[in-house]
Amino acid sequence: MELFWEISQNQRINQASSAAESASSKINRLEREVKELERRLDRLSLACQALWELNRDQAGITDGELQRRMTEIDLRDGTRDGKIAVTILVCPNCGQRSNSRRQQCIYCGQPVPAKHTFT
């Protein structure tokens, strides 16, 4: 009887060990993805700052004007949440509705023109 119990326990231990290894592997992958996203965010932040300073210096736009425009764009969807809202676009090829974050229609595969440059 003890032999069956030991076999059962060993199977459970092996299953738990396998699950732990899988979770560890997933964590490592997610950590790498987060680091890559942080790197990309840092580069985009740097690019945005450089573009803003060029515009400010060359066009004479003030920081206040930038903040007001950011708020205006943020409120276009009726919610002040610091994000550009996802909108529904109509595919010019097949007429189906598509999410503005997609570059191609999920129905026909044709490119869907973006409503905004950065969405």
C-alpha atoms as a PDB file:
ATOM      1  CA  MET A   1       0.000   0.000   0.000  1.00  0.00           C
ATOM      2  CA  GLU A   2       2.824   2.400   0.833  1.00  0.00           C
ATOM      3  CA  LEU A   3       4.385   1.711  -2.556  1.00  0.00           C
ATOM      4  CA  PHE A   4       1.285   3.010  -4.359  1.00  0.00           C
ATOM      5  CA  TRP A   5       1.202   6.055  -2.117  1.00  0.00           C
ATOM      6  CA  GLU A   6       4.889   6.776  -2.857  1.00  0.00           C
ATOM      7  CA  ILE A   7       4.326   6.356  -6.595  1.00  0.00           C
ATOM      8  CA  SER A   8       1.367   8.726  -6.403  1.00  0.00           C
ATOM      9  CA  GLN A   9       3.376  11.255  -4.413  1.00  0.00           C
ATOM     10  CA  ASN A  10       6.280  11.057  -6.863  1.00  0.00           C
ATOM     11  CA  GLN A  11       3.899  11.702  -9.750  1.00  0.00           C
ATOM     12  CA  ARG A  12       2.482  14.724  -7.957  1.00  0.00           C
ATOM     13  CA  ILE A  13       5.964  15.996  -7.188  1.00  0.00           C
ATOM     14  CA  ASN A  14       6.970  15.576 -10.838  1.00  0.00           C
ATOM     15  CA  GLN A  15       3.827  17.364 -12.000  1.00  0.00           C
ATOM     16  CA  ALA A  16       4.434  20.212  -9.566  1.00  0.00           C
ATOM     17  CA  SER A  17       8.065  20.438 -10.636  1.00  0.00           C
ATOM     18  CA  SER A  18       7.058  20.541 -14.288  1.00  0.00           C
ATOM     19  CA  ALA A  19       4.459  23.224 -13.593  1.00  0.00           C
ATOM     20  CA  ALA A  20       7.043  25.265 -11.678  1.00  0.00           C
ATOM     21  CA  GLU A  21       9.544  25.009 -14.543  1.00  0.00           C
ATOM     22  CA  SER A  22       6.873  26.080 -17.012  1.00  0.00           C
ATOM     23  CA  ALA A  23       5.890  29.034 -14.829  1.00  0.00           C
ATOM     24  CA  SER A  24       9.523  30.033 -14.412  1.00  0.00           C
ATOM     25  CA  SER A  25      10.054  29.912 -18.162  1.00  0.00           C
ATOM     26  CA  LYS A  26       6.960  32.031 -18.727  1.00  0.00           C
ATOM     27  CA  ILE A  27       8.104  34.558 -16.125  1.00  0.00           C
ATOM     28  CA  ASN A  28      11.507  34.833 -17.802  1.00  0.00           C
ATOM     29  CA  ARG A  29       9.866  35.400 -21.190  1.00  0.00           C
ATOM     30  CA  LEU A  30       7.514  38.027 -19.765  1.00  0.00           C
ATOM     31  CA  GLU A  31      10.392  39.791 -18.014  1.00  0.00           C
ATOM     32  CA  ARG A  32      12.236  40.009 -21.341  1.00  0.00           C
ATOM     33  CA  GLU A  33       9.105  41.354 -23.034  1.00  0.00           C
ATOM     34  CA  VAL A  34       8.614  43.980 -20.320  1.00  0.00           C
ATOM     35  CA  LYS A  35      12.244  45.089 -20.640  1.00  0.00           C
ATOM     36  CA  GLU A  36      11.839  45.396 -24.406  1.00  0.00           C
ATOM     37  CA  LEU A  37       8.639  47.426 -23.978  1.00  0.00           C
ATOM     38  CA  GLU A  38      10.377  49.672 -21.449  1.00  0.00           C
ATOM     39  CA  ARG A  39      13.247  50.196 -23.896  1.00  0.00           C
ATOM     40  CA  ARG A  40      10.795  51.078 -26.661  1.00  0.00           C
ATOM     41  CA  LEU A  41       8.855  53.412 -24.362  1.00  0.00           C
ATOM     42  CA  ASP A  42      12.073  55.185 -23.379  1.00  0.00           C
ATOM     43  CA  ARG A  43      12.996  55.680 -27.057  1.00  0.00           C
ATOM     44  CA  LEU A  44       9.514  56.979 -27.878  1.00  0.00           C
ATOM     45  CA  SER A  45       9.600  59.326 -24.899  1.00  0.00           C
ATOM     46  CA  LEU A  46      12.957  60.648 -26.050  1.00  0.00           C
ATOM     47  CA  ALA A  47      11.667  61.110 -29.611  1.00  0.00           C
ATOM     48  CA  CYS A  48       8.525  62.885 -28.362  1.00  0.00           C
ATOM     49  CA  GLN A  49      10.581  65.211 -26.183  1.00  0.00           C
ATOM     50  CA  ALA A  50      12.924  66.019 -29.068  1.00  0.00           C
ATOM     51  CA  LEU A  51      10.017  66.682 -31.428  1.00  0.00           C
ATOM     52  CA  TRP A  52       8.284  68.829 -28.835  1.00  0.00           C
ATOM     53  CA  GLU A  53      11.400  70.916 -28.230  1.00  0.00           C
ATOM     54  CA  LEU A  54      11.897  71.406 -31.966  1.00  0.00           C
ATOM     55  CA  ASN A  55       8.271  72.527 -32.358  1.00  0.00           C
ATOM     56  CA  ARG A  56       8.421  74.758 -29.321  1.00  0.00           C
ATOM     57  CA  ASP A  57      11.660  76.403 -30.395  1.00  0.00           C
ATOM     58  CA  GLN A  58      10.870  76.762 -34.099  1.00  0.00           C
ATOM     59  CA  ALA A  59       7.117  77.406 -34.040  1.00  0.00           C
ATOM     60  CA  GLY A  60       6.880  79.258 -30.753  1.00  0.00           C
ATOM     61  CA  ILE A  61       4.266  76.920 -29.307  1.00  0.00           C
ATOM     62  CA  THR A  62       4.072  77.090 -25.515  1.00  0.00           C
ATOM     63  CA  ASP A  63       3.973  74.245 -23.025  1.00  0.00           C
ATOM     64  CA  GLY A  64       0.471  75.381 -22.061  1.00  0.00           C
ATOM     65  CA  GLU A  65      -0.717  75.094 -25.664  1.00  0.00           C
ATOM     66  CA  LEU A  66       0.678  71.579 -25.835  1.00  0.00           C
ATOM     67  CA  GLN A  67      -1.071  70.604 -22.603  1.00  0.00           C
ATOM     68  CA  ARG A  68      -4.375  72.089 -23.791  1.00  0.00           C
ATOM     69  CA  ARG A  69      -4.151  70.196 -27.085  1.00  0.00           C
ATOM     70  CA  MET A  70      -3.319  66.960 -25.287  1.00  0.00           C
ATOM     71  CA  THR A  71      -6.361  67.427 -23.062  1.00  0.00           C
ATOM     72  CA  GLU A  72      -8.539  68.237 -26.081  1.00  0.00           C
ATOM     73  CA  ILE A  73      -7.449  65.061 -27.860  1.00  0.00           C
ATOM     74  CA  ASP A  74      -7.851  63.008 -24.698  1.00  0.00           C
ATOM     75  CA  LEU A  75     -11.420  64.250 -24.221  1.00  0.00           C
ATOM     76  CA  ARG A  76     -12.537  63.431 -27.776  1.00  0.00           C
ATOM     77  CA  ASP A  77     -13.975  60.173 -26.514  1.00  0.00           C
ATOM     78  CA  GLY A  78     -15.614  61.886 -23.539  1.00  0.00           C
ATOM     79  CA  THR A  79     -13.205  60.461 -20.964  1.00  0.00           C
ATOM     80  CA  ARG A  80     -10.108  62.104 -19.538  1.00  0.00           C
ATOM     81  CA  ASP A  81      -7.951  59.020 -19.162  1.00  0.00           C
ATOM     82  CA  GLY A  82      -4.674  59.910 -20.871  1.00  0.00           C
ATOM     83  CA  LYS A  83      -5.382  57.701 -23.880  1.00  0.00           C
ATOM     84  CA  ILE A  84      -6.559  58.036 -27.440  1.00  0.00           C
ATOM     85  CA  ALA A  85      -9.707  55.973 -27.645  1.00  0.00           C
ATOM     86  CA  VAL A  86     -10.079  53.032 -29.942  1.00  0.00           C
ATOM     87  CA  THR A  87     -12.600  53.900 -32.620  1.00  0.00           C
ATOM     88  CA  ILE A  88     -14.534  51.867 -35.112  1.00  0.00           C
ATOM     89  CA  LEU A  89     -13.528  52.292 -38.744  1.00  0.00           C
ATOM     90  CA  VAL A  90     -15.285  51.004 -41.833  1.00  0.00           C
ATOM     91  CA  CYS A  91     -13.146  49.017 -44.249  1.00  0.00           C
ATOM     92  CA  PRO A  92     -13.155  50.819 -47.608  1.00  0.00           C
ATOM     93  CA  ASN A  93     -12.896  47.481 -49.414  1.00  0.00           C
ATOM     94  CA  CYS A  94     -15.590  45.280 -47.857  1.00  0.00           C
ATOM     95  CA  GLY A  95     -17.539  47.736 -45.698  1.00  0.00           C
ATOM     96  CA  GLN A  96     -17.058  45.745 -42.490  1.00  0.00           C
ATOM     97  CA  ARG A  97     -16.379  47.520 -39.223  1.00  0.00           C
ATOM     98  CA  SER A  98     -12.865  47.296 -37.817  1.00  0.00           C
ATOM     99  CA  ASN A  99     -10.967  48.371 -34.707  1.00  0.00           C
ATOM    100  CA  SER A 100      -8.795  51.477 -35.238  1.00  0.00           C
ATOM    101  CA  ARG A 101      -5.813  49.698 -33.689  1.00  0.00           C
ATOM    102  CA  ARG A 102      -5.741  47.198 -36.545  1.00  0.00           C
ATOM    103  CA  GLN A 103      -3.840  48.008 -39.690  1.00  0.00           C
ATOM    104  CA  GLN A 104      -5.727  45.481 -41.801  1.00  0.00           C
ATOM    105  CA  CYS A 105      -9.353  44.451 -42.033  1.00  0.00           C
ATOM    106  CA  ILE A 106      -9.915  41.158 -40.232  1.00  0.00           C
ATOM    107  CA  TYR A 107     -12.512  40.172 -42.838  1.00  0.00           C
ATOM    108  CA  CYS A 108     -10.823  40.867 -46.167  1.00  0.00           C
ATOM    109  CA  GLY A 109      -7.211  41.590 -45.181  1.00  0.00           C
ATOM    110  CA  GLN A 110      -7.060  44.940 -46.949  1.00  0.00           C
ATOM    111  CA  PRO A 111      -5.319  47.892 -45.271  1.00  0.00           C
ATOM    112  CA  VAL A 112      -7.620  50.100 -43.206  1.00  0.00           C
ATOM    113  CA  PRO A 113      -6.590  53.765 -43.213  1.00  0.00           C
ATOM    114  CA  ALA A 114      -5.753  55.037 -39.737  1.00  0.00           C
ATOM    115  CA  LYS A 115      -7.881  57.833 -38.341  1.00  0.00           C
ATOM    116  CA  HIS A 116      -4.925  59.175 -36.361  1.00  0.00           C
ATOM    117  CA  THR A 117      -1.211  58.913 -37.017  1.00  0.00           C
ATOM    118  CA  PHE A 118      -0.380  57.273 -33.685  1.00  0.00           C
ATOM    119  CA  THR A 119      -3.213  54.771 -33.277  1.00  0.00           C
END
